[in-house]
Amino acid sequence: MTLKARNLAMTSIIALGLGAAPALADCHGDWDTNQDAMLDQTEYGAAYGNNAWFGERDRDGDGFLSEDEYRTGLYQSYDRNADGLFSNDEQQVGFRSADDYNAWDRDADGALNEEEFGAGLDEAGTFGTWDSDSDGLLSKDEFGAGVYGNYDTDESGNLEETEVGANCDDYGEEGFWDF
């Protein structure tokens, strides 16, 4: 599995536009400011900047996510019932690859504890890939660019209808990112 596919497996976020193609319109209101039925990085970044997910995970309030804040924040988002385990049932939102899930479940109990999840993220190298300035911290821009890049599976620089439609459940009320 490629690094891009692994990153997609553990992260999920996207944006949509009003009056755009159906999935785009259904998911993201007015994010598509130029109404071209696609989201470019500028549109995504502007709309994503209003998302509280990043700020809520920035526990020390320094405006950056440390690797620990990143790992813990993602884990808590997956563990929807806050029972301390990311269960197979909770895979439905955000986590796209059963292959990664099963490989990370080192004790084969059918659920990932925070240690297993963190080790899997480390192996996938997501944090280091997203930390474009290699300072050991993710800025909001680096985090947004990393997430955007994982949704832009064809690497066109735009999120098209098929890319939005495939990940629409990740946004909105009760979605992984819960905008």
N, C-alpha and C. Protein backbone atom coordinates (compact mmCIF):
# COMPACT_ATOMS: atom_id res chain seq x y z
N MET A 1 0.84 -1.17 0.00
CA MET A 1 0.00 0.00 0.00
C MET A 1 0.89 1.23 0.00
N THR A 2 0.59 2.21 -0.83
CA THR A 2 1.41 3.41 -0.93
C THR A 2 1.20 4.31 0.27
N LEU A 3 2.16 5.21 0.50
CA LEU A 3 2.04 6.17 1.59
C LEU A 3 0.79 7.00 1.42
N LYS A 4 0.49 7.41 0.20
CA LYS A 4 -0.71 8.21 -0.07
C LYS A 4 -1.96 7.44 0.34
N ALA A 5 -2.02 6.16 -0.01
CA ALA A 5 -3.18 5.35 0.35
C ALA A 5 -3.27 5.17 1.86
N ARG A 6 -2.12 4.99 2.52
CA ARG A 6 -2.13 4.85 3.98
C ARG A 6 -2.60 6.14 4.63
N ASN A 7 -2.12 7.27 4.13
CA ASN A 7 -2.55 8.54 4.70
C ASN A 7 -4.05 8.72 4.52
N LEU A 8 -4.56 8.34 3.35
CA LEU A 8 -6.00 8.43 3.12
C LEU A 8 -6.75 7.53 4.08
N ALA A 9 -6.14 6.39 4.42
CA ALA A 9 -6.79 5.46 5.32
C ALA A 9 -6.98 6.05 6.70
N MET A 10 -6.15 6.96 7.11
CA MET A 10 -6.26 7.47 8.47
C MET A 10 -6.72 8.91 8.57
N THR A 11 -6.94 9.51 7.55
CA THR A 11 -7.44 10.87 7.65
C THR A 11 -8.57 11.08 6.68
N SER A 12 -9.50 11.95 7.02
CA SER A 12 -10.61 12.22 6.13
C SER A 12 -11.15 13.61 6.39
N ILE A 13 -11.07 14.46 5.39
CA ILE A 13 -11.66 15.78 5.48
C ILE A 13 -11.84 16.35 4.08
N ILE A 14 -12.82 17.19 3.86
CA ILE A 14 -13.04 17.72 2.52
C ILE A 14 -13.95 18.93 2.55
N ALA A 15 -14.24 19.48 1.41
CA ALA A 15 -15.10 20.66 1.34
C ALA A 15 -16.04 20.57 0.15
N LEU A 16 -17.11 21.42 0.12
CA LEU A 16 -18.03 21.37 -1.01
C LEU A 16 -18.58 22.72 -1.38
N GLY A 17 -19.26 22.80 -2.48
CA GLY A 17 -19.76 24.07 -2.97
C GLY A 17 -21.24 24.06 -3.25
N LEU A 18 -21.88 25.18 -3.00
CA LEU A 18 -23.29 25.34 -3.29
C LEU A 18 -23.52 25.45 -4.78
N GLY A 19 -24.49 24.76 -5.27
CA GLY A 19 -24.81 24.82 -6.68
C GLY A 19 -23.84 24.02 -7.53
N ALA A 20 -22.91 23.35 -6.92
CA ALA A 20 -21.95 22.54 -7.65
C ALA A 20 -22.57 21.19 -7.90
N ALA A 21 -21.74 20.26 -8.29
CA ALA A 21 -22.22 18.90 -8.52
C ALA A 21 -22.88 18.38 -7.25
N PRO A 22 -23.75 17.36 -7.34
CA PRO A 22 -24.56 16.94 -6.20
C PRO A 22 -23.79 16.64 -4.91
N ALA A 23 -22.74 15.83 -4.94
CA ALA A 23 -22.04 15.52 -3.69
C ALA A 23 -21.37 16.76 -3.13
N LEU A 24 -20.84 17.60 -3.98
CA LEU A 24 -20.20 18.83 -3.53
C LEU A 24 -21.25 19.72 -2.85
N ALA A 25 -22.40 19.86 -3.46
CA ALA A 25 -23.45 20.70 -2.89
C ALA A 25 -24.00 20.12 -1.60
N ASP A 26 -24.12 18.81 -1.52
CA ASP A 26 -24.68 18.17 -0.34
C ASP A 26 -23.75 18.26 0.87
N CYS A 27 -22.46 18.34 0.66
CA CYS A 27 -21.50 18.27 1.77
C CYS A 27 -21.04 19.61 2.31
N HIS A 28 -20.84 20.61 1.48
CA HIS A 28 -20.10 21.76 1.97
C HIS A 28 -20.61 23.15 1.65
N GLY A 29 -21.88 23.30 1.46
CA GLY A 29 -22.43 24.64 1.33
C GLY A 29 -21.71 25.52 0.35
N ASP A 30 -21.10 26.58 0.83
CA ASP A 30 -20.53 27.58 -0.08
C ASP A 30 -19.00 27.59 -0.11
N TRP A 31 -18.36 26.48 0.14
CA TRP A 31 -16.89 26.43 0.10
C TRP A 31 -16.37 26.66 -1.31
N ASP A 32 -17.10 26.23 -2.31
CA ASP A 32 -16.67 26.38 -3.72
C ASP A 32 -16.99 27.80 -4.17
N THR A 33 -16.16 28.76 -3.77
CA THR A 33 -16.46 30.17 -3.99
C THR A 33 -16.48 30.59 -5.45
N ASN A 34 -15.73 29.89 -6.31
CA ASN A 34 -15.76 30.25 -7.73
C ASN A 34 -16.77 29.41 -8.52
N GLN A 35 -17.53 28.56 -7.82
CA GLN A 35 -18.62 27.78 -8.41
C GLN A 35 -18.20 26.94 -9.61
N ASP A 36 -16.99 26.34 -9.54
CA ASP A 36 -16.54 25.49 -10.65
C ASP A 36 -16.74 24.00 -10.37
N ALA A 37 -17.49 23.68 -9.33
CA ALA A 37 -17.80 22.30 -8.94
C ALA A 37 -16.56 21.53 -8.50
N MET A 38 -15.52 22.25 -8.08
CA MET A 38 -14.31 21.65 -7.53
C MET A 38 -13.82 22.56 -6.41
N LEU A 39 -13.03 21.98 -5.52
CA LEU A 39 -12.41 22.78 -4.47
C LEU A 39 -10.91 22.80 -4.69
N ASP A 40 -10.35 23.99 -4.82
CA ASP A 40 -8.89 24.08 -4.89
C ASP A 40 -8.36 24.30 -3.48
N GLN A 41 -7.06 24.24 -3.32
CA GLN A 41 -6.45 24.34 -1.99
C GLN A 41 -6.78 25.68 -1.32
N THR A 42 -6.89 26.74 -2.08
CA THR A 42 -7.21 28.06 -1.51
C THR A 42 -8.62 28.06 -0.93
N GLU A 43 -9.59 27.55 -1.68
CA GLU A 43 -10.97 27.49 -1.18
C GLU A 43 -11.05 26.59 0.05
N TYR A 44 -10.41 25.46 -0.04
CA TYR A 44 -10.41 24.52 1.07
C TYR A 44 -9.79 25.14 2.31
N GLY A 45 -8.63 25.76 2.15
CA GLY A 45 -7.93 26.36 3.28
C GLY A 45 -8.73 27.47 3.95
N ALA A 46 -9.38 28.29 3.14
CA ALA A 46 -10.18 29.38 3.70
C ALA A 46 -11.34 28.83 4.52
N ALA A 47 -12.03 27.84 4.00
CA ALA A 47 -13.17 27.26 4.72
C ALA A 47 -12.71 26.41 5.89
N TYR A 48 -11.65 25.64 5.70
CA TYR A 48 -11.16 24.77 6.76
C TYR A 48 -10.66 25.57 7.95
N GLY A 49 -10.17 26.77 7.72
CA GLY A 49 -9.68 27.60 8.80
C GLY A 49 -10.73 27.89 9.86
N ASN A 50 -12.01 27.73 9.52
CA ASN A 50 -13.09 27.95 10.47
C ASN A 50 -13.44 26.69 11.26
N ASN A 51 -12.77 25.58 10.99
CA ASN A 51 -13.03 24.32 11.66
C ASN A 51 -12.40 24.32 13.05
N ALA A 52 -13.14 23.93 14.05
CA ALA A 52 -12.65 23.93 15.43
C ALA A 52 -11.82 22.70 15.77
N TRP A 53 -11.81 21.67 14.91
CA TRP A 53 -11.11 20.42 15.24
C TRP A 53 -9.66 20.68 15.62
N PHE A 54 -8.95 21.43 14.83
CA PHE A 54 -7.53 21.69 15.06
C PHE A 54 -7.33 22.38 16.43
N GLY A 55 -8.06 23.44 16.69
CA GLY A 55 -7.91 24.18 17.93
C GLY A 55 -8.24 23.36 19.17
N GLU A 56 -9.23 22.49 19.05
CA GLU A 56 -9.60 21.64 20.18
C GLU A 56 -8.52 20.62 20.51
N ARG A 57 -7.73 20.23 19.52
CA ARG A 57 -6.66 19.24 19.75
C ARG A 57 -5.34 19.90 20.16
N ASP A 58 -5.23 21.19 19.97
CA ASP A 58 -4.03 21.95 20.34
C ASP A 58 -4.09 22.22 21.85
N ARG A 59 -3.75 21.19 22.64
CA ARG A 59 -3.95 21.25 24.09
C ARG A 59 -3.16 22.35 24.78
N ASP A 60 -1.97 22.67 24.27
CA ASP A 60 -1.17 23.70 24.94
C ASP A 60 -1.44 25.10 24.37
N GLY A 61 -2.30 25.20 23.37
CA GLY A 61 -2.73 26.48 22.84
C GLY A 61 -1.66 27.28 22.12
N ASP A 62 -0.63 26.60 21.61
CA ASP A 62 0.46 27.32 20.94
C ASP A 62 0.22 27.54 19.45
N GLY A 63 -0.92 27.09 18.93
CA GLY A 63 -1.23 27.28 17.51
C GLY A 63 -0.66 26.21 16.62
N PHE A 64 -0.08 25.16 17.21
CA PHE A 64 0.50 24.05 16.46
C PHE A 64 0.07 22.74 17.10
N LEU A 65 0.14 21.65 16.32
CA LEU A 65 -0.08 20.33 16.88
C LEU A 65 1.27 19.63 16.99
N SER A 66 1.61 19.23 18.20
CA SER A 66 2.79 18.38 18.37
C SER A 66 2.42 16.99 17.85
N GLU A 67 3.39 16.12 17.70
CA GLU A 67 3.09 14.78 17.23
C GLU A 67 2.14 14.07 18.21
N ASP A 68 2.33 14.29 19.49
CA ASP A 68 1.46 13.69 20.49
C ASP A 68 0.04 14.25 20.39
N GLU A 69 -0.11 15.56 20.23
CA GLU A 69 -1.44 16.16 20.09
C GLU A 69 -2.13 15.64 18.83
N TYR A 70 -1.37 15.52 17.76
CA TYR A 70 -1.90 14.99 16.49
C TYR A 70 -2.40 13.56 16.68
N ARG A 71 -1.56 12.72 17.23
CA ARG A 71 -1.88 11.30 17.41
C ARG A 71 -3.08 11.15 18.35
N THR A 72 -3.04 11.83 19.48
CA THR A 72 -4.13 11.74 20.45
C THR A 72 -5.43 12.30 19.88
N GLY A 73 -5.34 13.42 19.18
CA GLY A 73 -6.53 14.03 18.59
C GLY A 73 -7.21 13.13 17.58
N LEU A 74 -6.42 12.51 16.70
CA LEU A 74 -7.00 11.59 15.73
C LEU A 74 -7.62 10.39 16.44
N TYR A 75 -6.89 9.84 17.40
CA TYR A 75 -7.40 8.67 18.10
C TYR A 75 -8.74 8.97 18.77
N GLN A 76 -8.82 10.11 19.45
CA GLN A 76 -10.06 10.47 20.12
C GLN A 76 -11.21 10.66 19.12
N SER A 77 -10.90 11.14 17.93
CA SER A 77 -11.93 11.29 16.90
C SER A 77 -12.43 9.95 16.42
N TYR A 78 -11.54 8.96 16.32
CA TYR A 78 -11.96 7.63 15.90
C TYR A 78 -12.73 6.91 17.00
N ASP A 79 -12.31 7.07 18.24
CA ASP A 79 -12.95 6.42 19.38
C ASP A 79 -14.21 7.18 19.73
N ARG A 80 -15.23 7.06 18.89
CA ARG A 80 -16.44 7.88 18.98
C ARG A 80 -17.19 7.71 20.30
N ASN A 81 -17.13 6.52 20.92
CA ASN A 81 -17.85 6.31 22.17
C ASN A 81 -16.97 6.53 23.40
N ALA A 82 -15.73 6.95 23.19
CA ALA A 82 -14.79 7.30 24.27
C ALA A 82 -14.61 6.19 25.29
N ASP A 83 -14.59 4.94 24.78
CA ASP A 83 -14.37 3.83 25.69
C ASP A 83 -12.90 3.40 25.76
N GLY A 84 -12.03 4.15 25.09
CA GLY A 84 -10.60 3.84 25.11
C GLY A 84 -10.17 2.84 24.07
N LEU A 85 -11.10 2.42 23.20
CA LEU A 85 -10.77 1.49 22.11
C LEU A 85 -11.39 1.98 20.81
N PHE A 86 -10.62 1.94 19.75
CA PHE A 86 -11.11 2.23 18.40
C PHE A 86 -11.55 0.90 17.83
N SER A 87 -12.85 0.62 17.92
CA SER A 87 -13.38 -0.69 17.56
C SER A 87 -13.62 -0.81 16.06
N ASN A 88 -13.86 -2.02 15.65
CA ASN A 88 -14.17 -2.31 14.26
C ASN A 88 -15.40 -1.53 13.81
N ASP A 89 -16.40 -1.40 14.68
CA ASP A 89 -17.61 -0.64 14.36
C ASP A 89 -17.32 0.83 14.11
N GLU A 90 -16.33 1.37 14.79
CA GLU A 90 -15.99 2.79 14.65
C GLU A 90 -15.16 3.06 13.40
N GLN A 91 -14.75 2.03 12.69
CA GLN A 91 -13.99 2.19 11.44
C GLN A 91 -14.78 2.90 10.37
N GLN A 92 -16.08 2.87 10.43
CA GLN A 92 -16.91 3.37 9.34
C GLN A 92 -16.64 4.82 8.97
N VAL A 93 -16.18 5.63 9.89
CA VAL A 93 -15.96 7.04 9.61
C VAL A 93 -14.47 7.33 9.66
N GLY A 94 -13.93 7.86 8.57
CA GLY A 94 -12.56 8.34 8.58
C GLY A 94 -11.51 7.31 8.26
N PHE A 95 -11.64 6.11 8.73
CA PHE A 95 -10.60 5.10 8.55
C PHE A 95 -10.99 4.21 7.40
N ARG A 96 -10.25 4.26 6.32
CA ARG A 96 -10.67 3.63 5.08
C ARG A 96 -10.08 2.25 4.80
N SER A 97 -9.05 1.83 5.50
CA SER A 97 -8.37 0.61 5.11
C SER A 97 -8.43 -0.46 6.18
N ALA A 98 -9.19 -1.51 5.93
CA ALA A 98 -9.24 -2.64 6.86
C ALA A 98 -7.88 -3.31 6.95
N ASP A 99 -7.09 -3.26 5.87
CA ASP A 99 -5.75 -3.87 5.91
C ASP A 99 -4.89 -3.20 6.96
N ASP A 100 -4.87 -1.86 6.99
CA ASP A 100 -4.10 -1.15 8.01
C ASP A 100 -4.65 -1.44 9.39
N TYR A 101 -5.97 -1.38 9.53
CA TYR A 101 -6.60 -1.60 10.83
C TYR A 101 -6.17 -2.94 11.40
N ASN A 102 -6.29 -3.99 10.61
CA ASN A 102 -5.95 -5.32 11.08
C ASN A 102 -4.46 -5.47 11.37
N ALA A 103 -3.62 -4.85 10.55
CA ALA A 103 -2.17 -4.92 10.78
C ALA A 103 -1.78 -4.17 12.06
N TRP A 104 -2.46 -3.09 12.35
CA TRP A 104 -2.15 -2.30 13.55
C TRP A 104 -2.66 -2.96 14.82
N ASP A 105 -3.65 -3.82 14.71
CA ASP A 105 -4.24 -4.50 15.86
C ASP A 105 -3.30 -5.64 16.30
N ARG A 106 -2.23 -5.27 16.95
CA ARG A 106 -1.16 -6.22 17.27
C ARG A 106 -1.60 -7.34 18.21
N ASP A 107 -2.54 -7.07 19.10
CA ASP A 107 -2.99 -8.12 20.00
C ASP A 107 -4.20 -8.88 19.44
N ALA A 108 -4.62 -8.52 18.22
CA ALA A 108 -5.69 -9.21 17.49
C ALA A 108 -6.98 -9.33 18.30
N ASP A 109 -7.30 -8.29 19.08
CA ASP A 109 -8.53 -8.32 19.86
C ASP A 109 -9.70 -7.65 19.15
N GLY A 110 -9.48 -7.20 17.92
CA GLY A 110 -10.56 -6.59 17.15
C GLY A 110 -10.74 -5.11 17.40
N ALA A 111 -9.86 -4.49 18.18
CA ALA A 111 -9.93 -3.06 18.47
C ALA A 111 -8.52 -2.51 18.62
N LEU A 112 -8.36 -1.24 18.30
CA LEU A 112 -7.06 -0.59 18.46
C LEU A 112 -7.06 0.23 19.74
N ASN A 113 -6.08 -0.02 20.61
CA ASN A 113 -5.91 0.87 21.74
C ASN A 113 -5.05 2.04 21.26
N GLU A 114 -4.88 3.06 22.09
CA GLU A 114 -4.17 4.25 21.66
C GLU A 114 -2.71 3.95 21.30
N GLU A 115 -2.09 3.02 22.00
CA GLU A 115 -0.70 2.65 21.70
C GLU A 115 -0.58 2.00 20.32
N GLU A 116 -1.49 1.06 20.00
CA GLU A 116 -1.48 0.42 18.69
C GLU A 116 -1.73 1.44 17.58
N PHE A 117 -2.68 2.33 17.81
CA PHE A 117 -3.00 3.36 16.83
C PHE A 117 -1.80 4.26 16.58
N GLY A 118 -1.16 4.72 17.66
CA GLY A 118 0.01 5.59 17.54
C GLY A 118 1.15 4.92 16.80
N ALA A 119 1.39 3.64 17.10
CA ALA A 119 2.45 2.91 16.41
C ALA A 119 2.14 2.79 14.91
N GLY A 120 0.88 2.56 14.58
CA GLY A 120 0.48 2.48 13.17
C GLY A 120 0.68 3.79 12.45
N LEU A 121 0.31 4.89 13.10
CA LEU A 121 0.53 6.21 12.49
C LEU A 121 2.02 6.46 12.28
N ASP A 122 2.83 6.09 13.27
CA ASP A 122 4.27 6.28 13.15
C ASP A 122 4.82 5.51 11.95
N GLU A 123 4.37 4.27 11.79
CA GLU A 123 4.82 3.45 10.66
C GLU A 123 4.41 4.06 9.33
N ALA A 124 3.23 4.62 9.28
CA ALA A 124 2.72 5.22 8.04
C ALA A 124 3.45 6.52 7.71
N GLY A 125 4.01 7.19 8.71
CA GLY A 125 4.80 8.39 8.48
C GLY A 125 4.00 9.64 8.15
N THR A 126 2.72 9.66 8.48
CA THR A 126 1.87 10.79 8.14
C THR A 126 2.37 12.10 8.73
N PHE A 127 2.65 12.11 10.03
CA PHE A 127 3.05 13.35 10.69
C PHE A 127 4.29 13.94 10.02
N GLY A 128 5.31 13.13 9.81
CA GLY A 128 6.55 13.61 9.20
C GLY A 128 6.35 14.12 7.79
N THR A 129 5.48 13.47 7.04
CA THR A 129 5.19 13.90 5.67
C THR A 129 4.48 15.24 5.67
N TRP A 130 3.56 15.44 6.58
CA TRP A 130 2.80 16.68 6.63
C TRP A 130 3.61 17.84 7.20
N ASP A 131 4.60 17.55 8.04
CA ASP A 131 5.42 18.59 8.68
C ASP A 131 6.42 19.11 7.65
N SER A 132 5.94 19.95 6.73
CA SER A 132 6.74 20.37 5.57
C SER A 132 7.98 21.17 5.93
N ASP A 133 7.98 21.86 7.07
CA ASP A 133 9.18 22.61 7.45
C ASP A 133 10.06 21.83 8.44
N SER A 134 9.68 20.60 8.74
CA SER A 134 10.45 19.68 9.60
C SER A 134 10.81 20.27 10.96
N ASP A 135 9.88 21.04 11.53
CA ASP A 135 10.15 21.62 12.85
C ASP A 135 9.57 20.78 13.99
N GLY A 136 8.96 19.62 13.67
CA GLY A 136 8.40 18.76 14.69
C GLY A 136 7.02 19.17 15.16
N LEU A 137 6.42 20.15 14.47
CA LEU A 137 5.08 20.63 14.79
C LEU A 137 4.29 20.80 13.50
N LEU A 138 2.98 20.59 13.60
CA LEU A 138 2.10 20.86 12.46
C LEU A 138 1.38 22.18 12.68
N SER A 139 1.59 23.11 11.75
CA SER A 139 0.79 24.34 11.78
C SER A 139 -0.59 24.00 11.23
N LYS A 140 -1.52 24.92 11.40
CA LYS A 140 -2.85 24.71 10.85
C LYS A 140 -2.77 24.56 9.33
N ASP A 141 -1.91 25.34 8.69
CA ASP A 141 -1.74 25.25 7.23
C ASP A 141 -1.18 23.90 6.82
N GLU A 142 -0.17 23.40 7.54
CA GLU A 142 0.41 22.09 7.21
C GLU A 142 -0.62 20.98 7.41
N PHE A 143 -1.37 21.06 8.50
CA PHE A 143 -2.39 20.06 8.75
C PHE A 143 -3.46 20.09 7.65
N GLY A 144 -3.94 21.28 7.32
CA GLY A 144 -4.95 21.41 6.27
C GLY A 144 -4.46 20.92 4.92
N ALA A 145 -3.20 21.26 4.58
CA ALA A 145 -2.63 20.81 3.31
C ALA A 145 -2.49 19.30 3.28
N GLY A 146 -2.11 18.71 4.41
CA GLY A 146 -1.97 17.25 4.48
C GLY A 146 -3.30 16.55 4.29
N VAL A 147 -4.30 17.04 4.97
CA VAL A 147 -5.63 16.44 4.85
C VAL A 147 -6.16 16.63 3.43
N TYR A 148 -6.03 17.84 2.91
CA TYR A 148 -6.49 18.13 1.55
C TYR A 148 -5.80 17.18 0.55
N GLY A 149 -4.50 17.02 0.70
CA GLY A 149 -3.74 16.15 -0.20
C GLY A 149 -4.21 14.71 -0.17
N ASN A 150 -4.67 14.25 0.97
CA ASN A 150 -5.16 12.89 1.06
C ASN A 150 -6.49 12.71 0.36
N TYR A 151 -7.31 13.74 0.34
CA TYR A 151 -8.56 13.66 -0.39
C TYR A 151 -8.36 13.84 -1.89
N ASP A 152 -7.36 14.58 -2.29
CA ASP A 152 -7.07 14.82 -3.71
C ASP A 152 -6.31 13.61 -4.26
N THR A 153 -7.02 12.49 -4.37
CA THR A 153 -6.38 11.22 -4.70
C THR A 153 -5.76 11.18 -6.09
N ASP A 154 -6.26 11.98 -7.02
CA ASP A 154 -5.66 12.00 -8.35
C ASP A 154 -4.56 13.06 -8.47
N GLU A 155 -4.29 13.78 -7.37
CA GLU A 155 -3.24 14.78 -7.29
C GLU A 155 -3.38 15.88 -8.35
N SER A 156 -4.62 16.23 -8.67
CA SER A 156 -4.89 17.25 -9.68
C SER A 156 -4.79 18.67 -9.12
N GLY A 157 -4.80 18.80 -7.80
CA GLY A 157 -4.83 20.11 -7.19
C GLY A 157 -6.24 20.62 -6.96
N ASN A 158 -7.23 19.81 -7.31
CA ASN A 158 -8.64 20.14 -7.11
C ASN A 158 -9.37 18.92 -6.57
N LEU A 159 -10.32 19.15 -5.69
CA LEU A 159 -11.19 18.07 -5.23
C LEU A 159 -12.40 18.06 -6.14
N GLU A 160 -12.50 17.00 -6.93
CA GLU A 160 -13.59 16.87 -7.88
C GLU A 160 -14.76 16.11 -7.25
N GLU A 161 -15.85 16.05 -7.98
CA GLU A 161 -17.08 15.41 -7.53
C GLU A 161 -16.83 14.01 -6.97
N THR A 162 -16.07 13.18 -7.68
CA THR A 162 -15.86 11.81 -7.21
C THR A 162 -15.08 11.77 -5.90
N GLU A 163 -14.12 12.67 -5.73
CA GLU A 163 -13.34 12.71 -4.50
C GLU A 163 -14.18 13.21 -3.33
N VAL A 164 -15.03 14.17 -3.59
CA VAL A 164 -15.92 14.68 -2.55
C VAL A 164 -16.96 13.63 -2.18
N GLY A 165 -17.57 13.04 -3.18
CA GLY A 165 -18.62 12.05 -2.93
C GLY A 165 -18.13 10.85 -2.14
N ALA A 166 -16.89 10.43 -2.37
CA ALA A 166 -16.34 9.27 -1.69
C ALA A 166 -16.11 9.53 -0.21
N ASN A 167 -16.03 10.78 0.19
CA ASN A 167 -15.69 11.11 1.58
C ASN A 167 -16.70 12.01 2.26
N CYS A 168 -17.86 12.17 1.69
CA CYS A 168 -18.85 13.13 2.19
C CYS A 168 -19.26 12.87 3.63
N ASP A 169 -19.31 11.62 4.07
CA ASP A 169 -19.74 11.31 5.43
C ASP A 169 -18.78 11.83 6.49
N ASP A 170 -17.59 12.23 6.11
CA ASP A 170 -16.60 12.68 7.08
C ASP A 170 -16.87 14.09 7.60
N TYR A 171 -17.69 14.86 6.94
CA TYR A 171 -17.94 16.23 7.36
C TYR A 171 -19.35 16.35 7.88
N GLY A 172 -19.65 17.48 8.45
CA GLY A 172 -21.00 17.75 8.90
C GLY A 172 -21.26 17.19 10.29
N GLU A 173 -22.46 17.38 10.75
CA GLU A 173 -22.85 16.90 12.07
C GLU A 173 -22.62 15.40 12.18
N GLU A 174 -21.96 15.02 13.24
CA GLU A 174 -21.65 13.62 13.54
C GLU A 174 -20.63 13.00 12.60
N GLY A 175 -20.09 13.77 11.66
CA GLY A 175 -19.03 13.26 10.80
C GLY A 175 -17.71 13.23 11.55
N PHE A 176 -16.70 12.63 10.94
CA PHE A 176 -15.40 12.49 11.59
C PHE A 176 -14.87 13.83 12.05
N TRP A 177 -14.95 14.84 11.17
CA TRP A 177 -14.41 16.16 11.50
C TRP A 177 -15.46 17.05 12.15
N ASP A 178 -16.73 16.69 12.06
CA ASP A 178 -17.85 17.36 12.73
C ASP A 178 -17.80 18.88 12.59
N PHE A 179 -17.93 19.37 11.34
CA PHE A 179 -17.92 20.82 11.10
C PHE A 179 -19.18 21.46 11.62
